[in-house]
Amino acid sequence: MSSNDSTPLQVLVITASTRPGRLGPAITDWFVRTVRSDAASDAITVDVADLADIALPLLDEPEHPASGSYRHEHTRRWSRTVAAADAFVVVTPEYNFGMPAVLKNAFDFLYHEWAWKPVAFVSYGNTSAGTRSAQMAKQVVTTLRMMPIGATVALRIADSVHAGQVAGSAALDDAARALLIELSRVARALRPLRGGNDPTDVDGPVAGLTLREARPDDMAELLVLQRCCWVQEAIANDTLDLAPLRENLADLRASMATWRWWCVRHDGRLVAAVRARAHQGAWLIGRLMVAPDQAGNGIGSWLLSYVEGQAPGETTHCTLFTGHRSTRNIGLYERAGYTRAATDDTPPDSVRLTKPRSGQPTGAVHHDAGVV
């Protein structure tokens, strides 16, 4: 395989059947093994998403998927998985002349995350080798602004599957490799269109800014930004004993299990970030950071306002902490409507600030423990 563009690509192979006794995992395994060498030589990473493991319920988000506002963690996990991919291979059977309901449901959960990415189909079945399932799915994916490619692989079970495993042949293996070649070419060609396909890409106060929910591969860069930003906090508060300066990459990655993180980039460079989570009625906001050379441009206020708007409906107020000598931070928060809330559980040398959510009366604010 050869390519004029060796920029790494992420291909997600989706196993689209969940029924007992399914052949999907075996066919997915055959495809991944067959293309592994070609993928490695062309800077392609191939990952697998088994919808049986993803275990999405029937669409249960109250907001339209196009809003990018997700209430449930299972949706946010699926969003991160799909958003990280540059292209997709769907391994699907055919049920009653159509695609499995679980695949349609997985498509319907999201919207922007699919856009401007190519998709290929590896279908399997009896008489039609699953081709009617792939044809039905193509109608759906084009509505999601995906691009089905021409190359496909279609397996007749009687001819290609024996004892639950794919009986590979030269022709079948060549078809799988040709599919990957075409998929990667189209994925690279569509890359310029994918700059704004994330559901939280938003124009910021400075030209060239975009904002989206963080992914695991953002964490290394985020760690560097965090250390740069908290040096100023250490100087202002005359201490190096600050959690953001002690944390390592594993700590940040682990935090994604309990916190939602958002990243702001300026022409690709990470320049700001924030995290938040719901806790006992409060929307806890923390680690609001802006690169020192970008301070004073309104990014911090804009990002704070954005993350406040992500608070789930069951929360009544926003809470955050900063160092008691961090006068610049305190001023920013007070201008944004926060007030100091002295409580016994406030960490030493810290200031707790709270703000009722829009539409909440001041008396609805409660004081909850938690260092952010």
Foldseek 3Di string as FASTA:
>chain_A
DDDPDLPAFEEEEEQQDQDPPDLSVQVVVVLCVLCVVVCVVSNYHYHYDYLNVLVDDQQDAPDFQLLVQGDDPSLVVLLLVLLRHLEYEYEFEDDPLETDPSVVRSLRSHALSLALHEYEYEYAEAPVLRVSHVVRVCVVSVVSNYHYDDQYHGYHCVVAPDPSHGPDDPVRSVSSNVVVVVRVVSSVVSVVVSPQSASQFDDDLDPQKGKHWDHLVCQVLVLVQLCQFCVVQCVQLVHPPDVSNPDDSVVSSVCVVAKIKMFMDRNRHTFWMKIWHDDPQEIEIDDTGGRPVCPPSCRSVRVVVVSLVSDDPSHFKYKAKGFLRPVVVVVSVVVVPWDWDDDPQDDPRMTMTMHTRPPHDPVVDDDDHDHD
